Amino acid sequence: MITSILLIFLASLGLTGALRHYALKRGVVDTPNERSSHTTPTPRGGGLSFVITFLAAFGFALFFNISDLTSQPGAFWAIFCGGLLVAGIGFWDDHTHIPARWRFLVHSIAALAGLLLFGLPDIPLPGSTIDLGIIGYPLGIIALVWLLNLFNFMDGIDGIAGSEALFVGIGAMLIMQFASAGDYATPIFWLSILMAGIAGFLVWNWPPAKVFMGDAGSGFLGLMLGMFALWSANLGFSIWVWVILLALFVTDATVTLLRRMLNGERWFEAHCSHLYQQLSRKWGSHRPVTMALLAINVAWLFPWAWLAATKPAAGLFAALAAYLPLVLLAIKSSAGKSELPE
């Protein structure tokens, strides 16, 4: 396992450099404007490195029957085909403009495929569990499409989306391994492969970033974390763990969107009013914001996620306790506002 992780990390590291060179040569560059959180033209699309390394390893393992994927064909098709669809439309959008309706259609197809092939998980509650039944499918599509898009929305400063994905993935793996009784060996292995690819990319994307992730990478990340949440939940892992680990991104993106809608703004247009973007302008740098979010993740969210895994009946309580101060902070501060308050 360690050898596989190291090989994927090195492959992603080298591939990110090659993609940076390709982006510079083809002019696939983000040029700063009034909605930007950066000041230097920077190539984008580097996130394709962890897309390629992960999907190549996944397909290779299935073809040569190296991992326990043949016994879980639904997992393969949902992850491989869904990931390919989302990364493909994102790669296309990185090079030209794709209308939102077509991106939404592709995202919805990928989300529905995951729900159909993995199945809907039960939702643990105090003293019982809820089977959502048929209503779970539209709710699940909304949740997955929102998750993959919020990674795109939140990928606005150096290192933030990659480090968030690393925290969520590694946090989930640690909790599966040490705080849960089920057998999660296969999802843990493939999460480690995905995390290794992200780490290779993050070397280039860490502040000051030499390359940006791009839509191909950000959408793929959001979908993959959602797919692994479905996969592990249907093996008995509490879905509340994933809900808690993702709380920072979910809170900032959701509060920002709702506030812009309530203010009558064109919420679907590009903007720079996320809380993390405004903090980066106030603090004058991307690095302290990214580091602060990591600190909150580790010190605040990880313990609540651990509790949700060890005490499944308390999962809802743990999620509410984890989210409440983050939501209040976002509401009382500048998330979704055009200017940072004094």
Protein backbone atom coordinates (compact mmCIF):
# COMPACT_ATOMS: atom_id res chain seq x y z
CA MET A 1 0.00 0.00 0.00
CA ILE A 2 2.81 2.42 0.91
CA THR A 3 4.55 1.73 -2.41
CA SER A 4 1.33 2.42 -4.33
CA ILE A 5 0.79 5.69 -2.46
CA LEU A 6 4.36 6.83 -3.15
CA LEU A 7 4.12 5.97 -6.85
CA ILE A 8 0.83 7.84 -7.24
CA PHE A 9 2.23 10.86 -5.37
CA LEU A 10 5.31 11.02 -7.62
CA ALA A 11 3.24 10.47 -10.77
CA SER A 12 0.84 13.27 -9.81
CA LEU A 13 3.74 15.55 -8.86
CA GLY A 14 5.38 15.12 -12.26
CA LEU A 15 2.11 15.24 -14.18
CA THR A 16 1.08 18.50 -12.51
CA GLY A 17 4.31 20.08 -13.73
CA ALA A 18 3.63 18.80 -17.25
CA LEU A 19 0.07 20.14 -17.15
CA ARG A 20 1.37 23.51 -15.99
CA HIS A 21 3.68 23.61 -19.00
CA TYR A 22 0.78 22.61 -21.28
CA ALA A 23 -1.48 25.32 -19.84
CA LEU A 24 1.18 28.00 -20.33
CA LYS A 25 1.79 26.86 -23.89
CA ARG A 26 -1.93 26.79 -24.76
CA GLY A 27 -2.79 30.00 -22.93
CA VAL A 28 -5.04 28.26 -20.38
CA VAL A 29 -4.35 30.94 -17.79
CA ASP A 30 -6.43 32.72 -15.16
CA THR A 31 -5.95 36.46 -15.60
CA PRO A 32 -6.74 38.55 -12.50
CA ASN A 33 -9.85 40.75 -12.58
CA GLU A 34 -12.07 42.55 -10.08
CA ARG A 35 -13.58 39.21 -8.96
CA SER A 36 -10.23 37.46 -8.49
CA SER A 37 -8.47 36.63 -5.25
CA HIS A 38 -5.05 36.53 -6.94
CA THR A 39 -2.92 39.21 -8.58
CA THR A 40 -0.68 37.22 -10.92
CA PRO A 41 -1.72 35.42 -14.15
CA THR A 42 -1.56 31.72 -13.29
CA PRO A 43 -2.05 28.59 -15.41
CA ARG A 44 -5.02 26.41 -14.51
CA GLY A 45 -5.99 22.78 -15.02
CA GLY A 46 -3.34 21.20 -12.81
CA GLY A 47 -5.99 19.22 -10.94
CA LEU A 48 -6.22 16.93 -13.93
CA SER A 49 -3.11 15.23 -12.49
CA PHE A 50 -4.97 13.55 -9.63
CA VAL A 51 -7.91 12.79 -11.92
CA ILE A 52 -5.65 10.91 -14.34
CA THR A 53 -3.58 9.10 -11.70
CA PHE A 54 -6.63 8.00 -9.72
CA LEU A 55 -8.75 6.83 -12.65
CA ALA A 56 -5.77 5.13 -14.31
CA ALA A 57 -4.98 3.22 -11.11
CA PHE A 58 -8.65 2.36 -10.62
CA GLY A 59 -9.06 1.01 -14.14
CA PHE A 60 -5.74 -0.85 -14.00
CA ALA A 61 -6.69 -2.57 -10.74
CA LEU A 62 -10.03 -3.73 -12.10
CA PHE A 63 -8.60 -4.96 -15.40
CA PHE A 64 -5.88 -7.01 -13.71
CA ASN A 65 -8.06 -7.99 -10.73
CA ILE A 66 -5.55 -6.49 -8.29
CA SER A 67 -8.03 -4.97 -5.84
CA ASP A 68 -11.39 -6.12 -4.51
CA LEU A 69 -13.31 -4.24 -7.19
CA THR A 70 -14.70 -7.13 -9.21
CA SER A 71 -16.88 -8.04 -6.23
CA GLN A 72 -18.20 -4.46 -6.14
CA PRO A 73 -18.90 -3.58 -9.80
CA GLY A 74 -21.30 -0.82 -8.83
CA ALA A 75 -18.50 0.99 -7.01
CA PHE A 76 -16.30 0.79 -10.09
CA TRP A 77 -18.83 2.07 -12.59
CA ALA A 78 -20.13 4.83 -10.34
CA ILE A 79 -16.68 6.15 -9.48
CA PHE A 80 -14.92 5.59 -12.81
CA CYS A 81 -17.67 6.68 -15.20
CA GLY A 82 -19.06 9.43 -12.98
CA GLY A 83 -15.59 10.82 -12.38
CA LEU A 84 -14.77 10.68 -16.08
CA LEU A 85 -17.97 12.55 -16.97
CA VAL A 86 -17.47 15.32 -14.43
CA ALA A 87 -13.75 15.74 -15.12
CA GLY A 88 -14.43 15.72 -18.86
CA ILE A 89 -17.01 18.51 -18.79
CA GLY A 90 -14.76 20.42 -16.38
CA PHE A 91 -11.74 20.05 -18.69
CA TRP A 92 -13.83 21.32 -21.58
CA ASP A 93 -15.03 24.24 -19.48
CA ASP A 94 -11.41 25.05 -18.55
CA HIS A 95 -10.67 25.56 -22.24
CA THR A 96 -13.89 27.26 -23.33
CA HIS A 97 -17.23 28.26 -21.85
CA ILE A 98 -19.83 25.54 -21.33
CA PRO A 99 -23.39 26.76 -20.59
CA ALA A 100 -24.44 26.05 -17.02
CA ARG A 101 -27.40 23.91 -18.11
CA TRP A 102 -25.10 21.38 -19.81
CA ARG A 103 -22.76 21.23 -16.84
CA PHE A 104 -25.74 20.74 -14.54
CA LEU A 105 -27.07 17.92 -16.75
CA VAL A 106 -23.74 16.06 -16.73
CA HIS A 107 -23.35 16.57 -12.98
CA SER A 108 -26.87 15.25 -12.36
CA ILE A 109 -26.27 12.16 -14.50
CA ALA A 110 -23.07 11.39 -12.59
CA ALA A 111 -24.84 11.90 -9.25
CA LEU A 112 -27.81 9.71 -10.23
CA ALA A 113 -25.44 6.96 -11.39
CA GLY A 114 -23.75 6.98 -8.00
CA LEU A 115 -27.03 6.80 -6.12
CA LEU A 116 -28.36 3.98 -8.31
CA LEU A 117 -25.18 1.89 -8.24
CA PHE A 118 -24.26 2.38 -4.59
CA GLY A 119 -27.78 2.61 -3.23
CA LEU A 120 -29.22 5.05 -0.73
CA PRO A 121 -27.73 4.83 2.77
CA ASP A 122 -29.87 4.81 5.89
CA ILE A 123 -29.63 7.96 8.01
CA PRO A 124 -28.76 7.20 11.67
CA LEU A 125 -30.87 9.05 14.24
CA PRO A 126 -31.14 8.73 18.01
CA GLY A 127 -32.76 5.36 18.64
CA SER A 128 -33.50 4.59 14.98
CA THR A 129 -32.51 4.99 11.35
CA ILE A 130 -34.40 6.57 8.46
CA ASP A 131 -34.82 4.91 5.08
CA LEU A 132 -35.48 7.83 2.73
CA GLY A 133 -36.99 5.62 0.05
CA ILE A 134 -37.79 7.12 -3.33
CA ILE A 135 -37.54 10.70 -2.05
CA GLY A 136 -33.91 10.02 -1.27
CA TYR A 137 -32.96 10.09 -4.95
CA PRO A 138 -33.85 13.72 -5.74
CA LEU A 139 -32.44 14.76 -2.36
CA GLY A 140 -29.28 12.78 -3.05
CA ILE A 141 -28.86 14.31 -6.52
CA ILE A 142 -29.19 17.80 -5.06
CA ALA A 143 -26.66 17.00 -2.34
CA LEU A 144 -24.08 15.48 -4.70
CA VAL A 145 -24.43 18.20 -7.35
CA TRP A 146 -24.12 20.86 -4.65
CA LEU A 147 -21.05 19.12 -3.21
CA LEU A 148 -19.18 18.94 -6.49
CA ASN A 149 -20.07 22.55 -7.33
CA LEU A 150 -19.18 23.95 -3.94
CA PHE A 151 -15.63 22.63 -4.39
CA ASN A 152 -15.53 24.73 -7.55
CA PHE A 153 -16.93 27.76 -5.69
CA MET A 154 -14.48 27.34 -2.81
CA ASP A 155 -11.42 26.82 -5.02
CA GLY A 156 -10.61 30.53 -5.04
CA ILE A 157 -7.34 30.92 -3.13
CA ASP A 158 -4.09 28.99 -3.15
CA GLY A 159 -4.16 25.54 -1.57
CA ILE A 160 -7.66 25.74 -0.10
CA ALA A 161 -9.54 23.07 -2.09
CA GLY A 162 -6.66 20.59 -2.15
CA SER A 163 -5.95 20.89 1.57
CA GLU A 164 -9.67 20.62 2.39
CA ALA A 165 -9.95 17.44 0.33
CA LEU A 166 -6.85 16.01 2.02
CA PHE A 167 -8.30 16.72 5.45
CA VAL A 168 -11.69 15.19 4.60
CA GLY A 169 -10.17 12.09 2.97
CA ILE A 170 -7.47 11.43 5.57
CA GLY A 171 -9.88 12.22 8.40
CA ALA A 172 -12.42 9.74 7.04
CA MET A 173 -9.73 7.07 6.59
CA LEU A 174 -8.48 7.47 10.17
CA ILE A 175 -11.99 7.26 11.56
CA MET A 176 -12.83 4.20 9.43
CA GLN A 177 -9.64 2.48 10.55
CA PHE A 178 -9.58 3.31 14.25
CA ALA A 179 -13.08 4.39 15.34
CA SER A 180 -15.39 2.08 13.39
CA ALA A 181 -16.08 -1.64 13.63
CA GLY A 182 -16.85 -2.38 9.98
CA ASP A 183 -14.60 -3.64 7.19
CA TYR A 184 -13.66 -0.61 5.10
CA ALA A 185 -10.36 -1.87 3.69
CA THR A 186 -11.26 -1.33 0.03
CA PRO A 187 -12.60 2.25 0.29
CA ILE A 188 -9.70 3.12 2.61
CA PHE A 189 -7.18 1.87 0.04
CA TRP A 190 -8.75 3.84 -2.81
CA LEU A 191 -9.14 6.95 -0.69
CA SER A 192 -5.42 6.73 0.05
CA ILE A 193 -4.71 6.57 -3.69
CA LEU A 194 -6.85 9.65 -4.32
CA MET A 195 -5.21 11.50 -1.42
CA ALA A 196 -1.72 10.70 -2.76
CA GLY A 197 -2.65 12.23 -6.12
CA ILE A 198 -4.03 15.34 -4.44
CA ALA A 199 -0.86 15.68 -2.35
CA GLY A 200 1.26 15.60 -5.51
CA PHE A 201 -0.82 18.40 -7.00
CA LEU A 202 -0.83 20.40 -3.75
CA VAL A 203 2.98 20.72 -3.87
CA TRP A 204 2.45 22.97 -6.91
CA ASN A 205 -0.73 24.63 -5.63
CA TRP A 206 0.43 25.52 -2.11
CA PRO A 207 0.71 29.29 -1.58
CA PRO A 208 2.06 30.93 -3.63
CA ALA A 209 0.44 28.68 -6.24
CA LYS A 210 2.30 27.89 -9.46
CA VAL A 211 -0.81 26.29 -11.01
CA PHE A 212 -4.53 26.26 -10.23
CA MET A 213 -6.76 23.21 -9.98
CA GLY A 214 -9.31 24.13 -12.64
CA ASP A 215 -12.90 22.93 -13.02
CA ALA A 216 -11.82 19.43 -14.07
CA GLY A 217 -10.14 18.88 -10.71
CA SER A 218 -12.51 20.72 -8.38
CA GLY A 219 -15.68 19.08 -9.70
CA PHE A 220 -14.01 15.68 -9.66
CA LEU A 221 -12.95 16.15 -6.03
CA GLY A 222 -16.42 17.05 -4.85
CA LEU A 223 -18.00 14.12 -6.67
CA MET A 224 -15.38 11.62 -5.47
CA LEU A 225 -15.81 12.59 -1.82
CA GLY A 226 -19.56 12.19 -2.27
CA MET A 227 -19.06 8.78 -3.91
CA PHE A 228 -16.80 7.57 -1.11
CA ALA A 229 -19.37 8.81 1.40
CA LEU A 230 -22.05 6.69 -0.32
CA TRP A 231 -19.72 3.70 -0.61
CA SER A 232 -18.67 3.70 3.05
CA ALA A 233 -22.18 4.52 4.32
CA ASN A 234 -23.57 1.48 2.54
CA LEU A 235 -20.93 -0.59 4.31
CA GLY A 236 -22.17 0.69 7.67
CA PHE A 237 -20.12 3.87 8.15
CA SER A 238 -22.05 6.84 9.52
CA ILE A 239 -22.90 9.41 6.83
CA TRP A 240 -22.76 12.07 9.56
CA VAL A 241 -18.97 11.71 9.64
CA TRP A 242 -18.72 12.99 6.08
CA VAL A 243 -21.29 15.74 6.71
CA ILE A 244 -19.20 17.00 9.63
CA LEU A 245 -15.80 16.75 7.94
CA LEU A 246 -17.10 18.87 5.03
CA ALA A 247 -18.66 21.50 7.29
CA LEU A 248 -16.36 24.44 6.52
CA PHE A 249 -16.87 24.30 2.77
CA VAL A 250 -20.58 23.54 3.08
CA THR A 251 -21.15 26.44 5.50
CA ASP A 252 -19.24 29.12 3.60
CA ALA A 253 -20.66 28.16 0.20
CA THR A 254 -24.25 27.74 1.42
CA VAL A 255 -24.47 30.89 3.54
CA THR A 256 -22.84 32.91 0.75
CA LEU A 257 -25.29 31.57 -1.84
CA LEU A 258 -28.37 32.15 0.34
CA ARG A 259 -27.31 35.68 1.28
CA ARG A 260 -26.70 36.62 -2.35
CA MET A 261 -30.11 35.22 -3.32
CA LEU A 262 -31.84 37.10 -0.51
CA ASN A 263 -30.07 40.29 -1.59
CA GLY A 264 -31.45 39.87 -5.10
CA GLU A 265 -27.99 39.41 -6.64
CA ARG A 266 -27.25 37.25 -9.67
CA TRP A 267 -26.04 34.44 -7.46
CA PHE A 268 -25.00 32.21 -10.38
CA GLU A 269 -22.42 34.73 -11.63
CA ALA A 270 -18.77 34.78 -10.55
CA HIS A 271 -18.05 36.83 -7.43
CA CYS A 272 -15.51 37.18 -4.65
CA SER A 273 -17.76 37.45 -1.60
CA HIS A 274 -17.08 34.09 0.05
CA LEU A 275 -15.83 34.53 3.59
CA TYR A 276 -12.48 32.90 2.79
CA GLN A 277 -11.95 35.31 -0.14
CA GLN A 278 -12.71 38.35 1.96
CA LEU A 279 -10.42 37.15 4.74
CA SER A 280 -7.59 36.67 2.25
CA ARG A 281 -7.96 40.31 1.19
CA LYS A 282 -8.16 41.51 4.79
CA TRP A 283 -5.13 39.46 5.88
CA GLY A 284 -3.22 40.26 2.70
CA SER A 285 -2.28 36.66 1.93
CA HIS A 286 -3.77 33.28 1.02
CA ARG A 287 -1.55 31.19 3.28
CA PRO A 288 -2.93 32.29 6.69
CA VAL A 289 -6.52 31.69 5.55
CA THR A 290 -5.74 28.20 4.26
CA MET A 291 -3.83 27.39 7.46
CA ALA A 292 -6.64 28.77 9.65
CA LEU A 293 -9.21 26.56 7.90
CA LEU A 294 -6.96 23.54 8.38
CA ALA A 295 -6.63 24.35 12.08
CA ILE A 296 -10.42 24.59 12.49
CA ASN A 297 -10.85 21.32 10.62
CA VAL A 298 -8.40 19.45 12.83
CA ALA A 299 -9.17 21.03 16.20
CA TRP A 300 -12.95 21.44 15.89
CA LEU A 301 -14.51 19.25 13.20
CA PHE A 302 -12.40 16.10 13.47
CA PRO A 303 -13.35 15.39 17.14
CA TRP A 304 -17.07 15.80 16.33
CA ALA A 305 -16.71 13.46 13.36
CA TRP A 306 -14.97 10.91 15.58
CA LEU A 307 -17.88 11.11 18.04
CA ALA A 308 -20.37 10.58 15.21
CA ALA A 309 -18.52 7.38 14.24
CA THR A 310 -18.12 5.95 17.74
CA LYS A 311 -21.66 6.91 18.82
CA PRO A 312 -23.81 6.57 15.66
CA ALA A 313 -27.00 7.48 17.53
CA ALA A 314 -25.37 10.82 18.41
CA GLY A 315 -24.47 11.61 14.80
CA LEU A 316 -27.20 14.19 14.29
CA PHE A 317 -26.32 15.92 17.58
CA ALA A 318 -22.61 15.94 16.66
CA ALA A 319 -23.38 17.46 13.25
CA LEU A 320 -25.57 20.19 14.74
CA ALA A 321 -22.95 21.00 17.38
CA ALA A 322 -20.19 21.11 14.77
CA TYR A 323 -22.11 23.33 12.33
CA LEU A 324 -23.82 25.78 14.67
CA PRO A 325 -20.85 28.03 15.51
CA LEU A 326 -19.64 27.94 11.90
CA VAL A 327 -23.05 28.99 10.58
CA LEU A 328 -23.35 31.76 13.16
CA LEU A 329 -19.86 32.98 12.31
CA ALA A 330 -20.64 33.05 8.59
CA ILE A 331 -23.96 34.85 9.12
CA LYS A 332 -22.50 37.46 11.48
CA SER A 333 -19.48 38.07 9.29
CA SER A 334 -19.09 38.78 5.62
CA ALA A 335 -20.03 35.59 3.76
CA GLY A 336 -22.05 36.71 0.74
CA LYS A 337 -21.53 40.44 1.33
CA SER A 338 -19.78 42.66 -1.16
CA GLU A 339 -17.45 44.20 1.42
CA LEU A 340 -15.80 42.98 4.59
CA PRO A 341 -17.20 44.77 7.64
CA GLU A 342 -14.90 46.86 9.76
